[in-house]
Amino acid sequence: MNNNTRIMSLALAGLAAGGAIWYLMGTEQGRSVRNNLTRSAKDLGSDIKEKVIDKWNDLSTQTNGLASNVANKASDMRENISNKAKGATGSTTSNI
C-alpha cells in the first residue's frame, strides 16, 4: 500500500469515527442510542455477575461435597486398617 492510499484510509477512518462520535454526542437521537447502550451494558454486567456468583456457589458446594467424601473414605480406611491390625494382633496372641 503506498503512502497516499494509507493517508486516505486513515483520513476516512478518522472521518467515520468523528461522525459516529458527533452522532452519539451531538444529536438527541444519538443520546438516546448512547443511553440505551449504557443501560444494556449495565444489564449485561449484572447478568454476568449473577451467573458468576451462581457458578461459584455451585463449585463451592461441589468442592465441599468432594472434601467430605474424601474425609469419609479416609476415616473408613483408617478404621479398616485399625480393625485388621487388631485382628492380626489378636490372632497372634491366641496362638501363643
C-alpha atoms as a PDB file:
ATOM      1  CA  MET A   1       0.000   0.000   0.000  1.00  0.00           C
ATOM      2  CA  ASN A   2       1.545   3.303  -0.994  1.00  0.00           C
ATOM      3  CA  ASN A   3       1.759   6.348   1.219  1.00  0.00           C
ATOM      4  CA  ASN A   4      -1.158   8.265  -0.387  1.00  0.00           C
ATOM      5  CA  THR A   5      -3.504   5.289  -0.046  1.00  0.00           C
ATOM      6  CA  ARG A   6      -2.530   4.885   3.589  1.00  0.00           C
ATOM      7  CA  ILE A   7      -3.163   8.571   4.292  1.00  0.00           C
ATOM      8  CA  MET A   8      -6.581   8.416   2.580  1.00  0.00           C
ATOM      9  CA  SER A   9      -7.514   5.294   4.555  1.00  0.00           C
ATOM     10  CA  LEU A  10      -6.566   6.946   7.834  1.00  0.00           C
ATOM     11  CA  ALA A  11      -8.423  10.139   6.911  1.00  0.00           C
ATOM     12  CA  LEU A  12     -11.588   8.186   6.064  1.00  0.00           C
ATOM     13  CA  ALA A  13     -11.337   6.177   9.288  1.00  0.00           C
ATOM     14  CA  GLY A  14     -10.910   9.410  11.265  1.00  0.00           C
ATOM     15  CA  LEU A  15     -13.839  10.986   9.474  1.00  0.00           C
ATOM     16  CA  ALA A  16     -16.051   7.958  10.194  1.00  0.00           C
ATOM     17  CA  ALA A  17     -15.016   7.926  13.870  1.00  0.00           C
ATOM     18  CA  GLY A  18     -15.662  11.661  14.158  1.00  0.00           C
ATOM     19  CA  GLY A  19     -19.075  11.282  12.544  1.00  0.00           C
ATOM     20  CA  ALA A  20     -20.023   8.474  14.919  1.00  0.00           C
ATOM     21  CA  ILE A  21     -18.905  10.485  17.933  1.00  0.00           C
ATOM     22  CA  TRP A  22     -20.823  13.562  16.738  1.00  0.00           C
ATOM     23  CA  TYR A  23     -23.942  11.444  16.201  1.00  0.00           C
ATOM     24  CA  LEU A  24     -23.736   9.864  19.662  1.00  0.00           C
ATOM     25  CA  MET A  25     -22.831  13.075  21.483  1.00  0.00           C
ATOM     26  CA  GLY A  26     -24.417  15.849  19.448  1.00  0.00           C
ATOM     27  CA  THR A  27     -27.878  14.670  18.497  1.00  0.00           C
ATOM     28  CA  GLU A  28     -30.919  13.820  20.564  1.00  0.00           C
ATOM     29  CA  GLN A  29     -31.302  10.507  18.773  1.00  0.00           C
ATOM     30  CA  GLY A  30     -27.609   9.779  19.412  1.00  0.00           C
ATOM     31  CA  ARG A  31     -28.056  10.499  23.120  1.00  0.00           C
ATOM     32  CA  SER A  32     -30.960   8.080  23.182  1.00  0.00           C
ATOM     33  CA  VAL A  33     -28.826   5.414  21.492  1.00  0.00           C
ATOM     34  CA  ARG A  34     -25.989   6.112  23.921  1.00  0.00           C
ATOM     35  CA  ASN A  35     -28.323   5.825  26.923  1.00  0.00           C
ATOM     36  CA  ASN A  36     -29.741   2.548  25.602  1.00  0.00           C
ATOM     37  CA  LEU A  37     -26.236   1.185  25.090  1.00  0.00           C
ATOM     38  CA  THR A  38     -25.247   2.220  28.612  1.00  0.00           C
ATOM     39  CA  ARG A  39     -28.346   0.604  30.098  1.00  0.00           C
ATOM     40  CA  SER A  40     -27.790  -2.588  28.102  1.00  0.00           C
ATOM     41  CA  ALA A  41     -24.150  -2.740  29.189  1.00  0.00           C
ATOM     42  CA  LYS A  42     -25.153  -2.372  32.851  1.00  0.00           C
ATOM     43  CA  ASP A  43     -27.805  -5.084  32.493  1.00  0.00           C
ATOM     44  CA  LEU A  44     -25.302  -7.382  30.808  1.00  0.00           C
ATOM     45  CA  GLY A  45     -22.793  -6.735  33.607  1.00  0.00           C
ATOM     46  CA  SER A  46     -25.412  -7.574  36.233  1.00  0.00           C
ATOM     47  CA  ASP A  47     -26.392 -10.769  34.413  1.00  0.00           C
ATOM     48  CA  ILE A  48     -22.757 -11.858  34.130  1.00  0.00           C
ATOM     49  CA  LYS A  49     -22.164 -11.080  37.803  1.00  0.00           C
ATOM     50  CA  GLU A  50     -25.182 -13.191  38.850  1.00  0.00           C
ATOM     51  CA  LYS A  51     -24.059 -16.113  36.684  1.00  0.00           C
ATOM     52  CA  VAL A  52     -20.518 -15.971  38.055  1.00  0.00           C
ATOM     53  CA  ILE A  53     -21.830 -15.923  41.631  1.00  0.00           C
ATOM     54  CA  ASP A  54     -24.149 -18.883  40.896  1.00  0.00           C
ATOM     55  CA  LYS A  55     -21.340 -20.889  39.304  1.00  0.00           C
ATOM     56  CA  TRP A  56     -19.010 -20.013  42.193  1.00  0.00           C
ATOM     57  CA  ASN A  57     -21.591 -21.231  44.704  1.00  0.00           C
ATOM     58  CA  ASP A  58     -22.120 -24.451  42.708  1.00  0.00           C
ATOM     59  CA  LEU A  59     -18.378 -25.047  42.589  1.00  0.00           C
ATOM     60  CA  SER A  60     -18.067 -24.346  46.307  1.00  0.00           C
ATOM     61  CA  THR A  61     -20.840 -26.848  47.076  1.00  0.00           C
ATOM     62  CA  GLN A  62     -19.231 -29.493  44.870  1.00  0.00           C
ATOM     63  CA  THR A  63     -15.836 -28.893  46.460  1.00  0.00           C
ATOM     64  CA  ASN A  64     -17.271 -29.221  49.958  1.00  0.00           C
ATOM     65  CA  GLY A  65     -19.022 -32.444  48.961  1.00  0.00           C
ATOM     66  CA  LEU A  66     -15.815 -33.831  47.473  1.00  0.00           C
ATOM     67  CA  ALA A  67     -13.832 -32.925  50.591  1.00  0.00           C
ATOM     68  CA  SER A  68     -16.455 -34.600  52.776  1.00  0.00           C
ATOM     69  CA  ASN A  69     -16.332 -37.760  50.642  1.00  0.00           C
ATOM     70  CA  VAL A  70     -12.539 -37.888  50.839  1.00  0.00           C
ATOM     71  CA  ALA A  71     -12.642 -37.396  54.621  1.00  0.00           C
ATOM     72  CA  ASN A  72     -15.233 -40.186  54.987  1.00  0.00           C
ATOM     73  CA  LYS A  73     -13.213 -42.584  52.841  1.00  0.00           C
ATOM     74  CA  ALA A  74     -10.053 -41.782  54.796  1.00  0.00           C
ATOM     75  CA  SER A  75     -11.893 -42.420  58.056  1.00  0.00           C
ATOM     76  CA  ASP A  76     -13.253 -45.726  56.710  1.00  0.00           C
ATOM     77  CA  MET A  77      -9.773 -46.780  55.578  1.00  0.00           C
ATOM     78  CA  ARG A  78      -8.283 -45.869  58.956  1.00  0.00           C
ATOM     79  CA  GLU A  79     -10.968 -47.881  60.740  1.00  0.00           C
ATOM     80  CA  ASN A  80     -10.485 -50.816  58.387  1.00  0.00           C
ATOM     81  CA  ILE A  81      -6.720 -50.815  58.918  1.00  0.00           C
ATOM     82  CA  SER A  82      -7.199 -50.499  62.665  1.00  0.00           C
ATOM     83  CA  ASN A  83      -9.583 -53.476  62.687  1.00  0.00           C
ATOM     84  CA  LYS A  84      -7.172 -55.566  60.615  1.00  0.00           C
ATOM     85  CA  ALA A  85      -4.319 -54.641  62.934  1.00  0.00           C
ATOM     86  CA  LYS A  86      -6.383 -55.628  65.976  1.00  0.00           C
ATOM     87  CA  GLY A  87      -7.347 -58.868  64.274  1.00  0.00           C
ATOM     88  CA  ALA A  88      -3.742 -59.610  63.402  1.00  0.00           C
ATOM     89  CA  THR A  89      -2.501 -58.964  66.925  1.00  0.00           C
ATOM     90  CA  GLY A  90      -5.425 -60.914  68.406  1.00  0.00           C
ATOM     91  CA  SER A  91      -4.715 -63.946  66.241  1.00  0.00           C
ATOM     92  CA  THR A  92      -1.030 -63.985  67.179  1.00  0.00           C
ATOM     93  CA  THR A  93      -1.772 -63.792  70.886  1.00  0.00           C
ATOM     94  CA  SER A  94      -4.302 -66.652  70.680  1.00  0.00           C
ATOM     95  CA  ASN A  95      -1.676 -68.863  69.032  1.00  0.00           C
ATOM     96  CA  ILE A  96       0.741 -68.422  71.920  1.00  0.00           C
END
